[in-house]
Protein backbone atom coordinates (compact mmCIF):
# COMPACT_ATOMS: atom_id res chain seq x y z
CA MET A 1 -14.98 -22.81 -20.75
CA SER A 2 -18.30 -23.06 -18.50
CA SER A 3 -19.69 -20.04 -17.01
CA SER A 4 -20.13 -21.78 -14.09
CA GLU A 5 -16.17 -22.43 -13.78
CA PRO A 6 -14.57 -19.79 -10.53
CA LEU A 7 -12.40 -16.84 -12.23
CA ASP A 8 -8.79 -16.83 -10.38
CA PRO A 9 -9.34 -14.11 -7.46
CA LEU A 10 -5.26 -13.81 -8.06
CA VAL A 11 -3.46 -10.97 -9.35
CA THR A 12 0.18 -10.72 -10.12
CA VAL A 13 1.95 -7.82 -8.96
CA GLU A 14 5.00 -6.32 -10.04
CA VAL A 15 6.70 -4.24 -7.41
CA SER A 16 9.25 -1.71 -7.67
CA TRP A 17 10.96 1.15 -6.36
CA ALA A 18 9.66 4.67 -7.61
CA VAL A 19 12.85 5.99 -7.74
CA SER A 20 15.53 4.32 -9.00
CA GLY A 21 13.10 1.30 -11.19
CA LYS A 22 14.50 -1.27 -9.19
CA MET A 23 12.44 -4.76 -9.08
CA ILE A 24 11.55 -5.62 -5.80
CA SER A 25 9.34 -7.84 -5.98
CA THR A 26 6.58 -10.10 -8.26
CA VAL A 27 3.86 -11.35 -6.05
CA ARG A 28 0.52 -13.25 -7.00
CA VAL A 29 -1.91 -12.07 -4.21
CA GLU A 30 -5.78 -12.55 -4.03
CA ALA A 31 -7.26 -9.47 -5.45
CA GLN A 32 -9.46 -8.92 -2.16
CA LYS A 33 -6.25 -7.98 0.02
CA SER A 34 -5.92 -4.97 1.07
CA ILE A 35 -3.04 -2.35 0.16
CA TRP A 36 -2.27 -2.75 3.78
CA LYS A 37 -1.73 -6.40 3.32
CA LEU A 38 0.08 -5.75 0.22
CA LYS A 39 2.59 -3.28 2.18
CA GLU A 40 3.44 -6.01 4.86
CA MET A 41 3.71 -8.81 2.34
CA LEU A 42 6.60 -6.44 0.74
CA ALA A 43 8.35 -5.05 3.53
CA LYS A 44 11.16 -7.91 4.13
CA ASN A 45 12.45 -7.79 0.52
CA ALA A 46 12.28 -3.84 0.49
CA LYS A 47 13.60 -3.60 3.49
CA THR A 48 11.40 -0.92 4.94
CA PRO A 49 8.49 -1.28 7.48
CA ALA A 50 4.54 -1.30 6.17
CA MET A 51 3.88 1.87 7.76
CA PHE A 52 6.65 4.06 5.80
CA MET A 53 6.07 2.94 2.02
CA ASP A 54 3.27 4.68 -0.09
CA LEU A 55 2.30 2.08 -3.09
CA MET A 56 1.31 4.00 -6.30
CA PHE A 57 -0.78 2.62 -9.23
CA GLY A 58 -0.67 4.65 -11.96
CA ASN A 59 -0.80 8.34 -11.25
CA GLN A 60 -2.62 7.52 -7.54
CA VAL A 61 -0.99 6.65 -4.45
CA ALA A 62 -3.26 4.28 -2.79
CA SER A 63 -4.63 4.11 0.72
CA ASP A 64 -4.13 1.44 2.70
CA SER A 65 -7.70 0.62 3.26
CA ASP A 66 -7.89 0.00 -0.58
CA CYS A 67 -8.56 -2.98 -2.12
CA LEU A 68 -5.95 -4.65 -5.12
CA LEU A 69 -9.03 -5.25 -7.15
CA VAL A 70 -9.48 -1.34 -7.78
CA PHE A 71 -6.19 -1.57 -9.34
CA ALA A 72 -6.11 -4.43 -11.96
CA SER A 73 -7.12 -3.70 -15.00
CA ARG A 74 -8.07 -7.10 -16.20
CA ASP A 75 -11.32 -8.67 -17.89
CA TRP A 76 -12.80 -10.44 -14.96
CA THR A 77 -15.15 -12.33 -17.47
CA ILE A 78 -12.01 -14.18 -18.97
CA PRO A 79 -10.64 -16.40 -16.01
CA THR A 80 -7.43 -16.99 -18.32
CA GLU A 81 -6.50 -13.42 -18.42
CA ASP A 82 -3.53 -12.36 -15.79
CA LEU A 83 -2.21 -8.77 -16.73
CA PRO A 84 0.14 -7.91 -13.98
CA ILE A 85 -0.63 -4.61 -12.07
CA CYS A 86 2.49 -2.50 -11.90
CA CYS A 87 3.41 -0.50 -8.69
CA LEU A 88 5.71 2.04 -7.56
CA VAL A 89 7.06 2.24 -4.18
CA LEU A 90 7.58 5.31 -2.39
CA ARG A 91 9.67 5.26 0.95
CA LYS A 92 8.32 8.07 3.48
CA GLN A 93 10.78 8.92 5.98
CA PRO A 94 10.21 8.64 9.52
CA PRO A 95 9.60 11.38 11.78
CA ARG A 96 13.05 12.84 13.55
CA LEU A 97 12.95 11.75 16.98
CA ILE A 98 13.84 15.56 17.85
CA ASP A 99 10.76 16.60 16.34
CA ILE A 100 8.74 13.54 18.36
CA THR A 101 10.27 14.50 21.84
CA ARG A 102 9.41 18.55 21.23
CA ASP A 103 5.96 17.36 20.23
CA ARG A 104 5.56 15.80 23.27
CA PHE A 105 7.27 18.52 25.28
CA GLN A 106 4.80 20.71 24.04
CA ARG A 107 1.75 19.00 24.99
CA GLN A 108 2.92 18.28 28.50
CA ARG A 109 3.78 21.79 29.01
CA TYR A 110 1.01 23.49 26.93
CA PRO A 111 -1.70 21.26 27.43
CA LEU A 112 -4.64 21.74 25.11
CA THR A 113 -8.10 23.11 26.87
CA ASN A 114 -11.35 23.45 25.35
CA PRO A 115 -12.00 26.86 25.28
CA TYR A 116 -15.86 26.18 24.79
CA PRO A 117 -16.46 24.21 27.96
CA ASP A 118 -20.17 22.78 28.09
């Protein structure tokens, strides 16, 4: 294999639910994709909107702006190596409608004012 041969930019991600361990999907995706893009790809199989998912890699929850490359434990100098990245999905609860309504009412009733005017 010559050193000028391009490396495979794809990584395999095995995605499971964190609580049940049930496999959601196994996807091959470009290593430079963001966590948000991965969430959007998983949303249909997970039956959960991307905004209500947290993805865990190892012992950390990934930020939406993180890149998959950060979590890939592979030797990028070996073109054929493709160790899967294990990912756990935590489902976040959407805010309750009563909480949204209460917050909106309070902001309308008691608007924030700047105590230190210029």
